[in-house]
Amino acid sequence: MRTIEVTTTQNVTIEYELADVRNRILAFAIDFTIIWLAMLFISIFSSAFHSNIVFWFVLLPVVLFYSLALEILNNGQSWGKKAMGICVVKINGTKCSAGDYLIRWAFRLVDIYFSLGSVASLLISSTERAQRLGDIAANTTVVRIRPKNILHLKDIMNISSHQNYVPKYPAVRQMKESEMLIVKNVLERVKKYPNEAHREAVVNLAAIMKERLNLVEATANPVSFLNTVLNDYIVLTR
């Protein structure tokens, strides 16, 4: 899994999973299917009009400007991208402009159509930020906004604990499974990617958990505290 860190204009660093070739091909296939169905629908219900008028002013604009219009109007997502949970983002953290989407759209001729997708596939697979030519020119990339790795209760239960473990925070029993999955996810992320954004997330989450558990005494190191809370939850609820 390849990732990219984007620092927003508010100086907040967000880590995204980069969309791989498969995600982007499937999104393109969904968009192509939508375009084909739209053309079929228009053709069937436009028989009363002059065929040339329909072609030049309805069908051709749908084919040419579908992806451009959708990405501009829907913050970097065509319907295919939305279905696949991926989105176009600006690498420097600013919001993509209409000009950025226009540049990406213009390069589709080389990236996708003239090369039958081979140029786009090669570059997405080989470049550090998974960029095709249009992305490189517009300083954008495509990221996943739905995490590929989803945690479940069995993931929590896999955490080892001692037979005679004594819980330190009995009040953790009131917490929901979904909340404890967030704790586990945050701990795993900071362990795998120990950057400033993830360390800050741990500190903030520890403060929230302290408030939820009505703790007044000072807690240990945020990571140690959250690990203890997680282990307590497992022992008390399994």
C-alpha atoms as a PDB file:
ATOM      1  CA  MET A   1       0.000   0.000   0.000  1.00  0.00           C
ATOM      2  CA  ARG A   2       1.461   3.326  -1.121  1.00  0.00           C
ATOM      3  CA  THR A   3       0.588   6.496   0.733  1.00  0.00           C
ATOM      4  CA  ILE A   4       1.077  10.225   0.355  1.00  0.00           C
ATOM      5  CA  GLU A   5       1.077  13.002   2.941  1.00  0.00           C
ATOM      6  CA  VAL A   6      -0.693  16.228   1.998  1.00  0.00           C
ATOM      7  CA  THR A   7      -0.291  19.357   4.125  1.00  0.00           C
ATOM      8  CA  THR A   8      -3.384  21.532   3.889  1.00  0.00           C
ATOM      9  CA  THR A   9      -3.479  25.325   3.865  1.00  0.00           C
ATOM     10  CA  GLN A  10      -4.349  25.100   7.598  1.00  0.00           C
ATOM     11  CA  ASN A  11      -0.988  23.361   8.128  1.00  0.00           C
ATOM     12  CA  VAL A  12      -2.647  20.025   8.930  1.00  0.00           C
ATOM     13  CA  THR A  13      -0.942  16.950   7.495  1.00  0.00           C
ATOM     14  CA  ILE A  14      -3.287  14.291   6.133  1.00  0.00           C
ATOM     15  CA  GLU A  15      -2.092  10.896   5.004  1.00  0.00           C
ATOM     16  CA  TYR A  16      -3.966   9.287   2.113  1.00  0.00           C
ATOM     17  CA  GLU A  17      -3.721   5.880   0.504  1.00  0.00           C
ATOM     18  CA  LEU A  18      -2.899   6.308  -3.175  1.00  0.00           C
ATOM     19  CA  ALA A  19      -5.441   4.831  -5.575  1.00  0.00           C
ATOM     20  CA  ASP A  20      -3.842   1.992  -7.514  1.00  0.00           C
ATOM     21  CA  VAL A  21      -4.246   1.145 -11.193  1.00  0.00           C
ATOM     22  CA  ARG A  22      -7.059  -1.314 -10.496  1.00  0.00           C
ATOM     23  CA  ASN A  23      -9.138   1.284  -8.604  1.00  0.00           C
ATOM     24  CA  ARG A  24      -8.710   3.820 -11.375  1.00  0.00           C
ATOM     25  CA  ILE A  25      -9.451   1.377 -14.193  1.00  0.00           C
ATOM     26  CA  LEU A  26     -12.649   0.246 -12.466  1.00  0.00           C
ATOM     27  CA  ALA A  27     -13.684   3.877 -11.923  1.00  0.00           C
ATOM     28  CA  PHE A  28     -13.066   4.568 -15.618  1.00  0.00           C
ATOM     29  CA  ALA A  29     -15.081   1.466 -16.580  1.00  0.00           C
ATOM     30  CA  ILE A  30     -18.014   2.635 -14.446  1.00  0.00           C
ATOM     31  CA  ASP A  31     -17.859   6.096 -16.010  1.00  0.00           C
ATOM     32  CA  PHE A  32     -17.671   4.593 -19.506  1.00  0.00           C
ATOM     33  CA  THR A  33     -20.738   2.471 -18.774  1.00  0.00           C
ATOM     34  CA  ILE A  34     -22.650   5.509 -17.525  1.00  0.00           C
ATOM     35  CA  ILE A  35     -21.713   7.465 -20.662  1.00  0.00           C
ATOM     36  CA  TRP A  36     -22.764   4.588 -22.927  1.00  0.00           C
ATOM     37  CA  LEU A  37     -26.118   4.224 -21.137  1.00  0.00           C
ATOM     38  CA  ALA A  38     -26.689   7.985 -21.298  1.00  0.00           C
ATOM     39  CA  MET A  39     -25.971   7.991 -25.031  1.00  0.00           C
ATOM     40  CA  LEU A  40     -28.318   5.047 -25.539  1.00  0.00           C
ATOM     41  CA  PHE A  41     -31.071   6.763 -23.556  1.00  0.00           C
ATOM     42  CA  ILE A  42     -30.645  10.045 -25.445  1.00  0.00           C
ATOM     43  CA  SER A  43     -30.617   8.265 -28.810  1.00  0.00           C
ATOM     44  CA  ILE A  44     -33.842   6.405 -28.050  1.00  0.00           C
ATOM     45  CA  PHE A  45     -35.769   9.451 -26.832  1.00  0.00           C
ATOM     46  CA  SER A  46     -34.445  11.945 -29.363  1.00  0.00           C
ATOM     47  CA  SER A  47     -35.760  10.370 -32.548  1.00  0.00           C
ATOM     48  CA  ALA A  48     -38.094  13.322 -33.050  1.00  0.00           C
ATOM     49  CA  PHE A  49     -35.154  15.686 -33.459  1.00  0.00           C
ATOM     50  CA  HIS A  50     -32.696  16.131 -36.275  1.00  0.00           C
ATOM     51  CA  SER A  51     -29.927  13.546 -35.809  1.00  0.00           C
ATOM     52  CA  ASN A  52     -27.106  16.036 -36.487  1.00  0.00           C
ATOM     53  CA  ILE A  53     -28.414  18.431 -33.853  1.00  0.00           C
ATOM     54  CA  VAL A  54     -28.610  15.646 -31.281  1.00  0.00           C
ATOM     55  CA  PHE A  55     -25.107  14.451 -32.113  1.00  0.00           C
ATOM     56  CA  TRP A  56     -23.357  17.841 -32.011  1.00  0.00           C
ATOM     57  CA  PHE A  57     -25.207  19.442 -29.123  1.00  0.00           C
ATOM     58  CA  VAL A  58     -26.110  16.514 -26.886  1.00  0.00           C
ATOM     59  CA  LEU A  59     -24.194  13.279 -27.507  1.00  0.00           C
ATOM     60  CA  LEU A  60     -20.765  14.754 -28.245  1.00  0.00           C
ATOM     61  CA  PRO A  61     -20.738  17.074 -25.183  1.00  0.00           C
ATOM     62  CA  VAL A  62     -21.725  14.124 -22.961  1.00  0.00           C
ATOM     63  CA  VAL A  63     -18.830  12.030 -24.288  1.00  0.00           C
ATOM     64  CA  LEU A  64     -16.255  14.827 -24.232  1.00  0.00           C
ATOM     65  CA  PHE A  65     -17.065  16.715 -21.058  1.00  0.00           C
ATOM     66  CA  TYR A  66     -18.558  14.106 -18.719  1.00  0.00           C
ATOM     67  CA  SER A  67     -15.443  13.559 -16.592  1.00  0.00           C
ATOM     68  CA  LEU A  68     -14.376  17.214 -16.641  1.00  0.00           C
ATOM     69  CA  ALA A  69     -17.801  18.517 -15.614  1.00  0.00           C
ATOM     70  CA  LEU A  70     -18.304  15.925 -12.874  1.00  0.00           C
ATOM     71  CA  GLU A  71     -14.861  16.470 -11.314  1.00  0.00           C
ATOM     72  CA  ILE A  72     -15.333  20.247 -11.267  1.00  0.00           C
ATOM     73  CA  LEU A  73     -18.857  20.064  -9.849  1.00  0.00           C
ATOM     74  CA  ASN A  74     -18.221  17.191  -7.428  1.00  0.00           C
ATOM     75  CA  ASN A  75     -14.840  18.109  -5.880  1.00  0.00           C
ATOM     76  CA  GLY A  76     -12.668  15.730  -7.873  1.00  0.00           C
ATOM     77  CA  GLN A  77     -15.057  12.806  -8.201  1.00  0.00           C
ATOM     78  CA  SER A  78     -16.819  11.493 -11.250  1.00  0.00           C
ATOM     79  CA  TRP A  79     -19.558   8.969 -10.511  1.00  0.00           C
ATOM     80  CA  GLY A  80     -17.090   6.176 -11.203  1.00  0.00           C
ATOM     81  CA  LYS A  81     -14.560   7.607  -8.758  1.00  0.00           C
ATOM     82  CA  LYS A  82     -17.298   8.105  -6.184  1.00  0.00           C
ATOM     83  CA  ALA A  83     -18.367   4.473  -6.516  1.00  0.00           C
ATOM     84  CA  MET A  84     -14.762   3.327  -6.010  1.00  0.00           C
ATOM     85  CA  GLY A  85     -14.147   5.690  -3.085  1.00  0.00           C
ATOM     86  CA  ILE A  86     -11.357   7.621  -4.801  1.00  0.00           C
ATOM     87  CA  CYS A  87     -10.856  11.315  -5.437  1.00  0.00           C
ATOM     88  CA  VAL A  88      -8.540  13.786  -7.187  1.00  0.00           C
ATOM     89  CA  VAL A  89      -6.507  15.930  -4.755  1.00  0.00           C
ATOM     90  CA  LYS A  90      -3.894  18.637  -5.115  1.00  0.00           C
ATOM     91  CA  ILE A  91      -0.499  17.502  -3.853  1.00  0.00           C
ATOM     92  CA  ASN A  92       0.339  20.881  -2.284  1.00  0.00           C
ATOM     93  CA  GLY A  93      -2.805  20.746  -0.110  1.00  0.00           C
ATOM     94  CA  THR A  94      -4.751  23.501  -1.856  1.00  0.00           C
ATOM     95  CA  LYS A  95      -8.162  22.947  -3.398  1.00  0.00           C
ATOM     96  CA  CYS A  96      -8.131  21.780  -7.011  1.00  0.00           C
ATOM     97  CA  SER A  97      -9.186  24.527  -9.412  1.00  0.00           C
ATOM     98  CA  ALA A  98     -11.176  24.182 -12.613  1.00  0.00           C
ATOM     99  CA  GLY A  99      -7.878  24.733 -14.442  1.00  0.00           C
ATOM    100  CA  ASP A 100      -6.324  21.716 -12.696  1.00  0.00           C
ATOM    101  CA  TYR A 101      -9.210  19.491 -13.754  1.00  0.00           C
ATOM    102  CA  LEU A 102      -8.980  20.931 -17.275  1.00  0.00           C
ATOM    103  CA  ILE A 103      -5.280  20.033 -17.526  1.00  0.00           C
ATOM    104  CA  ARG A 104      -5.958  16.460 -16.329  1.00  0.00           C
ATOM    105  CA  TRP A 105      -8.831  16.163 -18.805  1.00  0.00           C
ATOM    106  CA  ALA A 106      -6.737  17.431 -21.733  1.00  0.00           C
ATOM    107  CA  PHE A 107      -4.020  14.827 -21.097  1.00  0.00           C
ATOM    108  CA  ARG A 108      -6.542  11.977 -21.215  1.00  0.00           C
ATOM    109  CA  LEU A 109      -5.975  11.912 -24.982  1.00  0.00           C
ATOM    110  CA  VAL A 110      -2.379  10.767 -24.476  1.00  0.00           C
ATOM    111  CA  ASP A 111      -2.738   8.985 -21.143  1.00  0.00           C
ATOM    112  CA  ILE A 112      -5.809   6.933 -21.976  1.00  0.00           C
ATOM    113  CA  TYR A 113      -7.331   7.184 -25.445  1.00  0.00           C
ATOM    114  CA  PHE A 114      -4.411   7.306 -27.911  1.00  0.00           C
ATOM    115  CA  SER A 115      -2.375   4.773 -25.895  1.00  0.00           C
ATOM    116  CA  LEU A 116      -5.357   2.611 -24.860  1.00  0.00           C
ATOM    117  CA  GLY A 117      -4.528   3.361 -21.242  1.00  0.00           C
ATOM    118  CA  SER A 118      -0.990   1.968 -21.385  1.00  0.00           C
ATOM    119  CA  VAL A 119       0.734   5.296 -20.648  1.00  0.00           C
ATOM    120  CA  ALA A 120      -1.537   6.002 -17.669  1.00  0.00           C
ATOM    121  CA  SER A 121      -1.161   2.468 -16.263  1.00  0.00           C
ATOM    122  CA  LEU A 122       2.636   2.510 -16.588  1.00  0.00           C
ATOM    123  CA  LEU A 123       3.015   5.891 -14.908  1.00  0.00           C
ATOM    124  CA  ILE A 124       0.520   5.221 -12.119  1.00  0.00           C
ATOM    125  CA  SER A 125       2.344   1.979 -11.292  1.00  0.00           C
ATOM    126  CA  SER A 126       5.861   3.390 -11.478  1.00  0.00           C
ATOM    127  CA  THR A 127       5.745   6.977 -10.201  1.00  0.00           C
ATOM    128  CA  GLU A 128       6.162   7.738  -6.505  1.00  0.00           C
ATOM    129  CA  ARG A 129       2.825   9.554  -6.254  1.00  0.00           C
ATOM    130  CA  ALA A 130       0.896   7.327  -8.681  1.00  0.00           C
ATOM    131  CA  GLN A 131       0.540  10.113 -11.237  1.00  0.00           C
ATOM    132  CA  ARG A 132      -0.306   9.873 -14.919  1.00  0.00           C
ATOM    133  CA  LEU A 133       0.822  12.667 -17.263  1.00  0.00           C
ATOM    134  CA  GLY A 134      -2.267  14.760 -16.522  1.00  0.00           C
ATOM    135  CA  ASP A 135      -1.610  14.505 -12.786  1.00  0.00           C
ATOM    136  CA  ILE A 136       2.046  15.463 -13.188  1.00  0.00           C
ATOM    137  CA  ALA A 137       1.109  18.508 -15.263  1.00  0.00           C
ATOM    138  CA  ALA A 138      -1.627  19.595 -12.831  1.00  0.00           C
ATOM    139  CA  ASN A 139       0.321  18.627  -9.660  1.00  0.00           C
ATOM    140  CA  THR A 140      -2.486  16.310  -8.587  1.00  0.00           C
ATOM    141  CA  THR A 141      -2.957  12.654  -7.786  1.00  0.00           C
ATOM    142  CA  VAL A 142      -5.853  10.300  -7.040  1.00  0.00           C
ATOM    143  CA  VAL A 143      -6.297   8.985  -3.502  1.00  0.00           C
ATOM    144  CA  ARG A 144      -8.587   6.638  -1.649  1.00  0.00           C
ATOM    145  CA  ILE A 145     -11.057   8.352   0.663  1.00  0.00           C
ATOM    146  CA  ARG A 146     -12.456   5.033   1.888  1.00  0.00           C
ATOM    147  CA  PRO A 147      -9.712   3.155   3.782  1.00  0.00           C
ATOM    148  CA  LYS A 148      -8.774  -0.187   2.290  1.00  0.00           C
ATOM    149  CA  ASN A 149      -8.036  -1.681   5.711  1.00  0.00           C
ATOM    150  CA  ILE A 150     -11.206  -1.942   7.795  1.00  0.00           C
ATOM    151  CA  LEU A 151     -10.944  -3.222  11.342  1.00  0.00           C
ATOM    152  CA  HIS A 152     -13.463  -5.556  12.947  1.00  0.00           C
ATOM    153  CA  LEU A 153     -14.071  -6.890  16.448  1.00  0.00           C
ATOM    154  CA  LYS A 154     -11.981  -9.994  15.725  1.00  0.00           C
ATOM    155  CA  ASP A 155      -8.989  -7.677  15.155  1.00  0.00           C
ATOM    156  CA  ILE A 156      -9.363  -6.354  18.679  1.00  0.00           C
ATOM    157  CA  MET A 157      -9.740  -9.849  20.106  1.00  0.00           C
ATOM    158  CA  ASN A 158      -6.445 -10.865  18.507  1.00  0.00           C
ATOM    159  CA  ILE A 159      -4.555  -8.583  20.874  1.00  0.00           C
ATOM    160  CA  SER A 160      -2.788 -10.795  23.381  1.00  0.00           C
ATOM    161  CA  SER A 161      -3.421 -10.332  27.107  1.00  0.00           C
ATOM    162  CA  HIS A 162      -2.196 -12.075  30.238  1.00  0.00           C
ATOM    163  CA  GLN A 163      -4.321 -14.607  32.070  1.00  0.00           C
ATOM    164  CA  ASN A 164      -4.124 -12.647  35.310  1.00  0.00           C
ATOM    165  CA  TYR A 165      -4.378  -9.203  33.790  1.00  0.00           C
ATOM    166  CA  VAL A 166      -6.067  -6.708  36.133  1.00  0.00           C
ATOM    167  CA  PRO A 167      -7.922  -3.875  34.347  1.00  0.00           C
ATOM    168  CA  LYS A 168      -6.913  -0.396  35.409  1.00  0.00           C
ATOM    169  CA  TYR A 169      -9.886   1.508  33.988  1.00  0.00           C
ATOM    170  CA  PRO A 170     -13.108  -0.476  34.671  1.00  0.00           C
ATOM    171  CA  ALA A 171     -15.224   2.340  33.218  1.00  0.00           C
ATOM    172  CA  VAL A 172     -13.980   1.379  29.762  1.00  0.00           C
ATOM    173  CA  ARG A 173     -16.726  -1.261  29.766  1.00  0.00           C
ATOM    174  CA  GLN A 174     -19.185   1.476  28.761  1.00  0.00           C
ATOM    175  CA  MET A 175     -17.345   2.185  25.520  1.00  0.00           C
ATOM    176  CA  LYS A 176     -18.685   0.981  22.175  1.00  0.00           C
ATOM    177  CA  GLU A 177     -16.905  -1.515  19.947  1.00  0.00           C
ATOM    178  CA  SER A 178     -16.700   1.061  17.151  1.00  0.00           C
ATOM    179  CA  GLU A 179     -14.959   3.508  19.487  1.00  0.00           C
ATOM    180  CA  MET A 180     -12.373   0.943  20.527  1.00  0.00           C
ATOM    181  CA  LEU A 181     -11.730   0.078  16.898  1.00  0.00           C
ATOM    182  CA  ILE A 182     -10.849   3.739  16.376  1.00  0.00           C
ATOM    183  CA  VAL A 183      -8.392   3.506  19.280  1.00  0.00           C
ATOM    184  CA  LYS A 184      -6.766   0.419  17.774  1.00  0.00           C
ATOM    185  CA  ASN A 185      -6.645   2.008  14.339  1.00  0.00           C
ATOM    186  CA  VAL A 186      -4.990   5.188  15.637  1.00  0.00           C
ATOM    187  CA  LEU A 187      -2.406   3.180  17.572  1.00  0.00           C
ATOM    188  CA  GLU A 188      -1.567   1.069  14.546  1.00  0.00           C
ATOM    189  CA  ARG A 189      -1.259   4.122  12.310  1.00  0.00           C
ATOM    190  CA  VAL A 190       1.127   5.968  14.636  1.00  0.00           C
ATOM    191  CA  LYS A 191       3.213   2.811  15.001  1.00  0.00           C
ATOM    192  CA  LYS A 192       3.443   2.316  11.254  1.00  0.00           C
ATOM    193  CA  TYR A 193       3.703   6.005  10.298  1.00  0.00           C
ATOM    194  CA  PRO A 194       5.152   7.926  13.286  1.00  0.00           C
ATOM    195  CA  ASN A 195       4.683  11.399  11.810  1.00  0.00           C
ATOM    196  CA  GLU A 196       3.529  14.579  13.531  1.00  0.00           C
ATOM    197  CA  ALA A 197      -0.086  14.275  12.345  1.00  0.00           C
ATOM    198  CA  HIS A 198      -0.490  10.777  13.795  1.00  0.00           C
ATOM    199  CA  ARG A 199       1.246  11.688  17.070  1.00  0.00           C
ATOM    200  CA  GLU A 200      -1.135  14.621  17.415  1.00  0.00           C
ATOM    201  CA  ALA A 201      -4.069  12.301  16.756  1.00  0.00           C
ATOM    202  CA  VAL A 202      -2.898  10.033  19.590  1.00  0.00           C
ATOM    203  CA  VAL A 203      -2.634  12.962  22.009  1.00  0.00           C
ATOM    204  CA  ASN A 204      -6.104  14.238  21.091  1.00  0.00           C
ATOM    205  CA  LEU A 205      -7.650  10.781  21.329  1.00  0.00           C
ATOM    206  CA  ALA A 206      -6.035  10.188  24.735  1.00  0.00           C
ATOM    207  CA  ALA A 207      -7.540  13.451  25.999  1.00  0.00           C
ATOM    208  CA  ILE A 208     -10.986  12.423  24.717  1.00  0.00           C
ATOM    209  CA  MET A 209     -10.733   8.985  26.321  1.00  0.00           C
ATOM    210  CA  LYS A 210      -9.645  10.516  29.627  1.00  0.00           C
ATOM    211  CA  GLU A 211     -12.735  12.720  29.590  1.00  0.00           C
ATOM    212  CA  ARG A 212     -15.024   9.838  28.617  1.00  0.00           C
ATOM    213  CA  LEU A 213     -13.662   7.714  31.468  1.00  0.00           C
ATOM    214  CA  ASN A 214     -13.969  10.598  33.972  1.00  0.00           C
ATOM    215  CA  LEU A 215     -10.296  10.444  34.902  1.00  0.00           C
ATOM    216  CA  VAL A 216      -8.938  13.300  36.970  1.00  0.00           C
ATOM    217  CA  GLU A 217      -5.437  12.027  37.635  1.00  0.00           C
ATOM    218  CA  ALA A 218      -2.650  12.547  35.122  1.00  0.00           C
ATOM    219  CA  THR A 219      -2.424   9.763  32.565  1.00  0.00           C
ATOM    220  CA  ALA A 220       0.715   8.072  31.340  1.00  0.00           C
ATOM    221  CA  ASN A 221       2.258   8.484  27.936  1.00  0.00           C
ATOM    222  CA  PRO A 222      -0.691   8.806  25.479  1.00  0.00           C
ATOM    223  CA  VAL A 223       0.303   5.668  23.561  1.00  0.00           C
ATOM    224  CA  SER A 224       0.720   3.639  26.762  1.00  0.00           C
ATOM    225  CA  PHE A 225      -2.557   4.995  28.116  1.00  0.00           C
ATOM    226  CA  LEU A 226      -4.505   4.051  24.981  1.00  0.00           C
ATOM    227  CA  ASN A 227      -2.926   0.596  24.915  1.00  0.00           C
ATOM    228  CA  THR A 228      -4.000   0.063  28.525  1.00  0.00           C
ATOM    229  CA  VAL A 229      -7.525   1.242  27.752  1.00  0.00           C
ATOM    230  CA  LEU A 230      -7.705  -1.144  24.801  1.00  0.00           C
ATOM    231  CA  ASN A 231      -6.448  -4.114  26.801  1.00  0.00           C
ATOM    232  CA  ASP A 232      -8.865  -3.286  29.629  1.00  0.00           C
ATOM    233  CA  TYR A 233     -11.769  -3.273  27.177  1.00  0.00           C
ATOM    234  CA  ILE A 234     -10.792  -6.686  25.802  1.00  0.00           C
ATOM    235  CA  VAL A 235     -10.482  -8.275  29.220  1.00  0.00           C
ATOM    236  CA  LEU A 236     -13.696  -6.754  30.559  1.00  0.00           C
ATOM    237  CA  THR A 237     -15.932  -7.482  27.566  1.00  0.00           C
ATOM    238  CA  ARG A 238     -14.795 -10.763  26.092  1.00  0.00           C
END
